[in-house]
Amino acid sequence: MKIKTDFVTNSSSTCFVVMRKDEILLNDFIKAVGVDANSQFVDIFKELFELCIEQVRPLENFVYNDRWYKQGWTIEDYIKNIFSEETFLRIKKAQSDGFQVFMGRLSSDNSAVEAYFCTNSFLIETENLIIDGTNDVW
């Protein structure tokens, strides 16, 4: 029998929802999260921008191809199972307000920045952008 005595990890992943009216540029995103462009933390949010804006798929495409989707579920069933009722209502309101809705996944197995946001809940909300990362299962 072997006993592991050093660091042991268990990886995880978390879904998030991006709702946007228009194309979001990096500078707009940095302003939305409230970070000064000269901040020493700006690189962290540049990476979050890439994860949340550039590496997402349209809602239906993501849901129907996600490993947690169960045959016969509607998009509503999936969202209410993965997220909260509050997130579902936020998505419905955003859609009625003309936002495009996308989804993505963060993994704790990738970069330190991605792991950080994967293991924490966050909500970014502006006039033209909503990122709901409240599906934190940690």
N, C-alpha and C. Protein backbone atom coordinates (compact mmCIF):
# COMPACT_ATOMS: atom_id res chain seq x y z
N MET A 1 0.83 -1.18 0.00
CA MET A 1 0.00 0.00 0.00
C MET A 1 0.87 1.24 0.00
N LYS A 2 0.50 2.22 -0.84
CA LYS A 2 1.23 3.49 -0.90
C LYS A 2 0.38 4.57 -0.24
N ILE A 3 1.02 5.41 0.51
CA ILE A 3 0.35 6.55 1.13
C ILE A 3 1.02 7.81 0.63
N LYS A 4 0.22 8.68 0.06
CA LYS A 4 0.75 9.94 -0.46
C LYS A 4 0.86 10.94 0.69
N THR A 5 2.05 11.49 0.87
CA THR A 5 2.26 12.41 1.99
C THR A 5 2.53 13.84 1.57
N ASP A 6 2.62 14.10 0.25
CA ASP A 6 2.82 15.48 -0.19
C ASP A 6 1.50 16.05 -0.68
N PHE A 7 1.55 17.13 -1.42
CA PHE A 7 0.35 17.85 -1.83
C PHE A 7 -0.55 16.99 -2.71
N VAL A 8 -1.84 16.97 -2.38
CA VAL A 8 -2.84 16.24 -3.15
C VAL A 8 -3.87 17.26 -3.63
N THR A 9 -4.28 17.14 -4.88
CA THR A 9 -5.24 18.09 -5.42
C THR A 9 -6.41 17.37 -6.07
N ASN A 10 -7.51 18.06 -6.13
CA ASN A 10 -8.68 17.57 -6.83
C ASN A 10 -9.10 18.70 -7.78
N SER A 11 -9.11 18.45 -9.06
CA SER A 11 -9.45 19.51 -10.00
C SER A 11 -10.95 19.73 -10.05
N SER A 12 -11.33 20.89 -10.53
CA SER A 12 -12.73 21.24 -10.64
C SER A 12 -12.92 22.17 -11.83
N SER A 13 -14.16 22.31 -12.25
CA SER A 13 -14.48 23.29 -13.29
C SER A 13 -15.79 23.96 -12.93
N THR A 14 -15.98 25.13 -13.50
CA THR A 14 -17.15 25.95 -13.19
C THR A 14 -17.65 26.60 -14.47
N CYS A 15 -18.95 26.56 -14.69
CA CYS A 15 -19.56 27.25 -15.82
C CYS A 15 -19.78 28.72 -15.46
N PHE A 16 -19.78 29.56 -16.48
CA PHE A 16 -20.12 30.97 -16.29
C PHE A 16 -20.91 31.44 -17.50
N VAL A 17 -21.64 32.53 -17.32
CA VAL A 17 -22.50 33.08 -18.37
C VAL A 17 -22.02 34.49 -18.70
N VAL A 18 -21.91 34.78 -19.99
CA VAL A 18 -21.57 36.12 -20.46
C VAL A 18 -22.76 36.64 -21.25
N MET A 19 -23.25 37.80 -20.86
CA MET A 19 -24.36 38.46 -21.55
C MET A 19 -23.84 39.82 -22.01
N ARG A 20 -23.92 40.07 -23.30
CA ARG A 20 -23.39 41.34 -23.81
C ARG A 20 -24.26 41.88 -24.93
N LYS A 21 -24.34 43.20 -25.00
CA LYS A 21 -25.11 43.86 -26.06
C LYS A 21 -24.28 43.99 -27.33
N ASP A 22 -23.04 44.37 -27.16
CA ASP A 22 -22.15 44.60 -28.29
C ASP A 22 -20.85 43.83 -28.08
N GLU A 23 -20.00 43.91 -29.06
CA GLU A 23 -18.65 43.36 -28.91
C GLU A 23 -17.96 44.11 -27.77
N ILE A 24 -17.29 43.40 -26.92
CA ILE A 24 -16.61 44.02 -25.77
C ILE A 24 -15.11 44.05 -26.06
N LEU A 25 -14.53 45.23 -25.94
CA LEU A 25 -13.09 45.39 -26.12
C LEU A 25 -12.38 45.31 -24.78
N LEU A 26 -11.11 44.98 -24.81
CA LEU A 26 -10.34 44.84 -23.58
C LEU A 26 -10.43 46.06 -22.69
N ASN A 27 -10.25 47.26 -23.24
CA ASN A 27 -10.30 48.48 -22.43
C ASN A 27 -11.66 48.66 -21.75
N ASP A 28 -12.73 48.31 -22.46
CA ASP A 28 -14.07 48.39 -21.87
C ASP A 28 -14.22 47.40 -20.72
N PHE A 29 -13.67 46.22 -20.91
CA PHE A 29 -13.73 45.19 -19.87
C PHE A 29 -12.96 45.62 -18.62
N ILE A 30 -11.76 46.15 -18.82
CA ILE A 30 -10.93 46.60 -17.69
C ILE A 30 -11.68 47.68 -16.90
N LYS A 31 -12.33 48.60 -17.60
CA LYS A 31 -13.14 49.62 -16.92
C LYS A 31 -14.31 48.99 -16.18
N ALA A 32 -14.95 47.99 -16.81
CA ALA A 32 -16.12 47.34 -16.20
C ALA A 32 -15.78 46.65 -14.89
N VAL A 33 -14.60 46.07 -14.80
CA VAL A 33 -14.22 45.39 -13.55
C VAL A 33 -13.64 46.35 -12.53
N GLY A 34 -13.45 47.60 -12.94
CA GLY A 34 -13.01 48.62 -11.99
C GLY A 34 -11.52 48.61 -11.69
N VAL A 35 -10.72 48.15 -12.65
CA VAL A 35 -9.27 48.12 -12.46
C VAL A 35 -8.64 49.24 -13.28
N ASP A 36 -7.76 49.99 -12.68
CA ASP A 36 -7.04 51.03 -13.39
C ASP A 36 -6.11 50.39 -14.41
N ALA A 37 -6.04 50.95 -15.59
CA ALA A 37 -5.20 50.39 -16.66
C ALA A 37 -3.73 50.31 -16.28
N ASN A 38 -3.30 51.09 -15.28
CA ASN A 38 -1.90 51.07 -14.83
C ASN A 38 -1.70 50.20 -13.60
N SER A 39 -2.73 49.53 -13.15
CA SER A 39 -2.65 48.70 -11.95
C SER A 39 -1.71 47.51 -12.17
N GLN A 40 -1.07 47.10 -11.11
CA GLN A 40 -0.21 45.92 -11.19
C GLN A 40 -1.04 44.63 -11.37
N PHE A 41 -2.36 44.74 -11.19
CA PHE A 41 -3.25 43.58 -11.33
C PHE A 41 -3.90 43.49 -12.70
N VAL A 42 -3.61 44.41 -13.58
CA VAL A 42 -4.30 44.46 -14.87
C VAL A 42 -4.07 43.18 -15.68
N ASP A 43 -2.92 42.54 -15.56
CA ASP A 43 -2.67 41.31 -16.32
C ASP A 43 -3.61 40.18 -15.90
N ILE A 44 -3.98 40.16 -14.63
CA ILE A 44 -4.94 39.16 -14.15
C ILE A 44 -6.27 39.33 -14.88
N PHE A 45 -6.70 40.57 -15.01
CA PHE A 45 -7.99 40.82 -15.65
C PHE A 45 -7.91 40.73 -17.17
N LYS A 46 -6.73 40.92 -17.74
CA LYS A 46 -6.56 40.66 -19.17
C LYS A 46 -6.77 39.17 -19.45
N GLU A 47 -6.24 38.33 -18.56
CA GLU A 47 -6.44 36.89 -18.74
C GLU A 47 -7.91 36.52 -18.54
N LEU A 48 -8.55 37.13 -17.55
CA LEU A 48 -9.98 36.87 -17.34
C LEU A 48 -10.78 37.31 -18.58
N PHE A 49 -10.40 38.42 -19.19
CA PHE A 49 -11.04 38.88 -20.42
C PHE A 49 -10.96 37.79 -21.49
N GLU A 50 -9.78 37.24 -21.69
CA GLU A 50 -9.61 36.19 -22.69
C GLU A 50 -10.49 34.99 -22.38
N LEU A 51 -10.57 34.62 -21.12
CA LEU A 51 -11.38 33.47 -20.72
C LEU A 51 -12.87 33.74 -20.89
N CYS A 52 -13.31 34.92 -20.50
CA CYS A 52 -14.74 35.22 -20.46
C CYS A 52 -15.31 35.83 -21.73
N ILE A 53 -14.49 36.39 -22.55
CA ILE A 53 -15.00 37.05 -23.76
C ILE A 53 -14.62 36.27 -25.01
N GLU A 54 -13.40 35.79 -25.06
CA GLU A 54 -12.92 35.17 -26.28
C GLU A 54 -13.11 33.66 -26.32
N GLN A 55 -13.29 33.03 -25.18
CA GLN A 55 -13.38 31.56 -25.17
C GLN A 55 -14.74 31.08 -24.70
N VAL A 56 -15.78 31.70 -25.23
CA VAL A 56 -17.14 31.30 -24.90
C VAL A 56 -17.87 30.86 -26.16
N ARG A 57 -18.98 30.18 -25.96
CA ARG A 57 -19.81 29.73 -27.08
C ARG A 57 -21.24 30.23 -26.87
N PRO A 58 -21.99 30.39 -27.95
CA PRO A 58 -23.39 30.78 -27.80
C PRO A 58 -24.12 29.82 -26.85
N LEU A 59 -25.08 30.34 -26.10
CA LEU A 59 -25.77 29.59 -25.05
C LEU A 59 -26.23 28.21 -25.50
N GLU A 60 -27.02 28.14 -26.56
CA GLU A 60 -27.57 26.85 -27.00
C GLU A 60 -26.46 25.87 -27.37
N ASN A 61 -25.45 26.34 -28.08
CA ASN A 61 -24.34 25.48 -28.47
C ASN A 61 -23.65 24.91 -27.25
N PHE A 62 -23.40 25.75 -26.25
CA PHE A 62 -22.73 25.29 -25.04
C PHE A 62 -23.60 24.27 -24.29
N VAL A 63 -24.86 24.63 -24.06
CA VAL A 63 -25.74 23.77 -23.25
C VAL A 63 -25.89 22.39 -23.86
N TYR A 64 -26.24 22.33 -25.15
CA TYR A 64 -26.53 21.03 -25.75
C TYR A 64 -25.29 20.17 -25.97
N ASN A 65 -24.10 20.74 -25.79
CA ASN A 65 -22.87 19.96 -25.93
C ASN A 65 -22.12 19.80 -24.61
N ASP A 66 -22.69 20.30 -23.52
CA ASP A 66 -22.02 20.23 -22.23
C ASP A 66 -22.18 18.84 -21.61
N ARG A 67 -21.17 18.42 -20.89
CA ARG A 67 -21.19 17.10 -20.26
C ARG A 67 -22.27 16.96 -19.20
N TRP A 68 -22.77 18.08 -18.65
CA TRP A 68 -23.79 18.02 -17.61
C TRP A 68 -25.21 18.08 -18.17
N TYR A 69 -25.33 18.27 -19.48
CA TYR A 69 -26.64 18.30 -20.11
C TYR A 69 -27.23 16.90 -20.13
N LYS A 70 -28.51 16.79 -19.75
CA LYS A 70 -29.20 15.50 -19.77
C LYS A 70 -30.19 15.49 -20.92
N GLN A 71 -30.22 14.38 -21.66
CA GLN A 71 -31.11 14.24 -22.81
C GLN A 71 -32.54 14.60 -22.43
N GLY A 72 -33.18 15.42 -23.25
CA GLY A 72 -34.56 15.82 -23.02
C GLY A 72 -34.72 17.11 -22.24
N TRP A 73 -33.65 17.60 -21.64
CA TRP A 73 -33.73 18.86 -20.90
C TRP A 73 -33.92 20.02 -21.87
N THR A 74 -34.60 21.04 -21.39
CA THR A 74 -34.66 22.31 -22.10
C THR A 74 -33.46 23.14 -21.61
N ILE A 75 -33.22 24.25 -22.27
CA ILE A 75 -32.17 25.15 -21.79
C ILE A 75 -32.51 25.64 -20.39
N GLU A 76 -33.78 25.90 -20.15
CA GLU A 76 -34.22 26.33 -18.82
C GLU A 76 -33.89 25.26 -17.77
N ASP A 77 -34.16 23.99 -18.09
CA ASP A 77 -33.85 22.90 -17.15
C ASP A 77 -32.36 22.89 -16.82
N TYR A 78 -31.54 23.01 -17.86
CA TYR A 78 -30.09 22.97 -17.67
C TYR A 78 -29.63 24.13 -16.79
N ILE A 79 -30.06 25.34 -17.12
CA ILE A 79 -29.62 26.52 -16.37
C ILE A 79 -30.06 26.44 -14.92
N LYS A 80 -31.29 26.03 -14.68
CA LYS A 80 -31.78 25.94 -13.30
C LYS A 80 -31.09 24.83 -12.53
N ASN A 81 -30.59 23.81 -13.22
CA ASN A 81 -29.86 22.74 -12.54
C ASN A 81 -28.43 23.14 -12.23
N ILE A 82 -27.80 23.88 -13.15
CA ILE A 82 -26.39 24.26 -13.00
C ILE A 82 -26.24 25.55 -12.19
N PHE A 83 -27.15 26.49 -12.40
CA PHE A 83 -27.08 27.79 -11.75
C PHE A 83 -28.26 27.96 -10.79
N SER A 84 -28.43 29.15 -10.32
CA SER A 84 -29.54 29.47 -9.42
C SER A 84 -30.72 30.01 -10.22
N GLU A 85 -31.84 30.10 -9.56
CA GLU A 85 -33.03 30.73 -10.15
C GLU A 85 -32.71 32.19 -10.50
N GLU A 86 -31.93 32.84 -9.65
CA GLU A 86 -31.55 34.23 -9.88
C GLU A 86 -30.77 34.38 -11.19
N THR A 87 -29.86 33.47 -11.46
CA THR A 87 -29.10 33.52 -12.72
C THR A 87 -30.01 33.28 -13.90
N PHE A 88 -30.94 32.32 -13.76
CA PHE A 88 -31.89 32.07 -14.84
C PHE A 88 -32.68 33.33 -15.16
N LEU A 89 -33.18 34.02 -14.13
CA LEU A 89 -33.94 35.25 -14.34
C LEU A 89 -33.08 36.35 -14.93
N ARG A 90 -31.81 36.42 -14.53
CA ARG A 90 -30.87 37.41 -15.09
C ARG A 90 -30.69 37.16 -16.59
N ILE A 91 -30.57 35.90 -16.98
CA ILE A 91 -30.41 35.54 -18.40
C ILE A 91 -31.67 35.93 -19.18
N LYS A 92 -32.84 35.58 -18.65
CA LYS A 92 -34.10 35.90 -19.35
C LYS A 92 -34.26 37.41 -19.53
N LYS A 93 -33.93 38.18 -18.49
CA LYS A 93 -34.04 39.64 -18.59
C LYS A 93 -33.05 40.17 -19.62
N ALA A 94 -31.82 39.67 -19.58
CA ALA A 94 -30.81 40.12 -20.53
C ALA A 94 -31.25 39.83 -21.96
N GLN A 95 -31.79 38.64 -22.20
CA GLN A 95 -32.27 38.31 -23.54
C GLN A 95 -33.39 39.25 -23.97
N SER A 96 -34.31 39.56 -23.06
CA SER A 96 -35.41 40.47 -23.43
C SER A 96 -34.91 41.90 -23.64
N ASP A 97 -33.76 42.23 -23.05
CA ASP A 97 -33.16 43.55 -23.23
C ASP A 97 -32.21 43.61 -24.43
N GLY A 98 -32.15 42.53 -25.21
CA GLY A 98 -31.35 42.53 -26.43
C GLY A 98 -29.90 42.07 -26.27
N PHE A 99 -29.58 41.46 -25.15
CA PHE A 99 -28.22 40.95 -24.96
C PHE A 99 -28.06 39.61 -25.67
N GLN A 100 -26.86 39.34 -26.16
CA GLN A 100 -26.49 38.03 -26.64
C GLN A 100 -25.99 37.25 -25.43
N VAL A 101 -26.28 35.95 -25.36
CA VAL A 101 -25.89 35.16 -24.20
C VAL A 101 -24.94 34.05 -24.63
N PHE A 102 -23.85 33.95 -23.90
CA PHE A 102 -22.81 32.95 -24.15
C PHE A 102 -22.50 32.22 -22.85
N MET A 103 -21.89 31.06 -22.98
CA MET A 103 -21.44 30.33 -21.79
C MET A 103 -20.03 29.82 -22.02
N GLY A 104 -19.34 29.61 -20.92
CA GLY A 104 -18.00 29.05 -20.96
C GLY A 104 -17.72 28.29 -19.69
N ARG A 105 -16.51 27.77 -19.59
CA ARG A 105 -16.13 26.97 -18.43
C ARG A 105 -14.73 27.37 -18.00
N LEU A 106 -14.54 27.47 -16.70
CA LEU A 106 -13.22 27.70 -16.12
C LEU A 106 -12.78 26.41 -15.45
N SER A 107 -11.47 26.16 -15.45
CA SER A 107 -10.94 24.95 -14.84
C SER A 107 -9.84 25.28 -13.85
N SER A 108 -9.83 24.56 -12.75
CA SER A 108 -8.77 24.75 -11.76
C SER A 108 -7.47 24.08 -12.19
N ASP A 109 -7.49 23.35 -13.30
CA ASP A 109 -6.29 22.67 -13.78
C ASP A 109 -5.40 23.55 -14.66
N ASN A 110 -5.88 24.72 -15.03
CA ASN A 110 -5.13 25.56 -15.95
C ASN A 110 -4.32 26.60 -15.19
N SER A 111 -4.24 27.79 -15.69
CA SER A 111 -3.40 28.83 -15.07
C SER A 111 -3.88 29.18 -13.67
N ALA A 112 -3.02 29.84 -12.92
CA ALA A 112 -3.37 30.27 -11.56
C ALA A 112 -4.55 31.25 -11.59
N VAL A 113 -4.58 32.13 -12.59
CA VAL A 113 -5.69 33.09 -12.71
C VAL A 113 -7.00 32.35 -12.97
N GLU A 114 -6.99 31.42 -13.89
CA GLU A 114 -8.20 30.66 -14.19
C GLU A 114 -8.64 29.85 -12.97
N ALA A 115 -7.70 29.24 -12.29
CA ALA A 115 -8.02 28.47 -11.08
C ALA A 115 -8.64 29.36 -10.02
N TYR A 116 -8.10 30.58 -9.87
CA TYR A 116 -8.64 31.52 -8.88
C TYR A 116 -10.10 31.84 -9.16
N PHE A 117 -10.41 32.21 -10.40
CA PHE A 117 -11.78 32.57 -10.73
C PHE A 117 -12.69 31.35 -10.77
N CYS A 118 -12.13 30.18 -11.05
CA CYS A 118 -12.90 28.94 -11.02
C CYS A 118 -13.38 28.62 -9.61
N THR A 119 -12.57 28.95 -8.63
CA THR A 119 -12.89 28.58 -7.25
C THR A 119 -13.52 29.72 -6.45
N ASN A 120 -13.92 30.78 -7.12
CA ASN A 120 -14.57 31.91 -6.46
C ASN A 120 -15.78 32.35 -7.26
N SER A 121 -16.79 32.85 -6.58
CA SER A 121 -17.95 33.42 -7.26
C SER A 121 -17.68 34.87 -7.62
N PHE A 122 -18.17 35.28 -8.78
CA PHE A 122 -18.03 36.68 -9.16
C PHE A 122 -19.17 37.07 -10.09
N LEU A 123 -19.50 38.35 -10.05
CA LEU A 123 -20.53 38.90 -10.91
C LEU A 123 -20.05 40.27 -11.36
N ILE A 124 -19.96 40.46 -12.66
CA ILE A 124 -19.56 41.73 -13.27
C ILE A 124 -20.79 42.23 -14.01
N GLU A 125 -21.22 43.44 -13.70
CA GLU A 125 -22.44 43.92 -14.32
C GLU A 125 -22.32 45.40 -14.67
N THR A 126 -22.45 45.68 -15.97
CA THR A 126 -22.47 47.06 -16.46
C THR A 126 -23.67 47.20 -17.41
N GLU A 127 -23.78 48.35 -18.02
CA GLU A 127 -24.88 48.63 -18.93
C GLU A 127 -24.89 47.67 -20.14
N ASN A 128 -23.71 47.30 -20.64
CA ASN A 128 -23.61 46.47 -21.84
C ASN A 128 -23.01 45.10 -21.63
N LEU A 129 -22.66 44.77 -20.39
CA LEU A 129 -21.98 43.50 -20.12
C LEU A 129 -22.38 42.96 -18.76
N ILE A 130 -22.70 41.67 -18.74
CA ILE A 130 -22.95 40.96 -17.48
C ILE A 130 -22.18 39.64 -17.57
N ILE A 131 -21.33 39.38 -16.60
CA ILE A 131 -20.66 38.09 -16.51
C ILE A 131 -21.05 37.49 -15.17
N ASP A 132 -21.76 36.38 -15.24
CA ASP A 132 -22.25 35.71 -14.04
C ASP A 132 -21.39 34.48 -13.79
N GLY A 133 -20.49 34.61 -12.84
CA GLY A 133 -19.64 33.49 -12.43
C GLY A 133 -20.03 33.03 -11.04
N THR A 134 -21.33 32.99 -10.77
CA THR A 134 -21.80 32.63 -9.43
C THR A 134 -22.03 31.14 -9.27
N ASN A 135 -21.68 30.36 -10.27
CA ASN A 135 -21.82 28.91 -10.20
C ASN A 135 -20.61 28.28 -9.52
N ASP A 136 -20.16 28.85 -8.45
CA ASP A 136 -19.00 28.33 -7.73
C ASP A 136 -19.44 27.15 -6.87
N VAL A 137 -18.86 26.00 -7.11
CA VAL A 137 -19.26 24.80 -6.36
C VAL A 137 -18.28 24.48 -5.24
N TRP A 138 -17.33 25.35 -4.98
CA TRP A 138 -16.35 25.06 -3.94
C TRP A 138 -16.92 25.33 -2.60
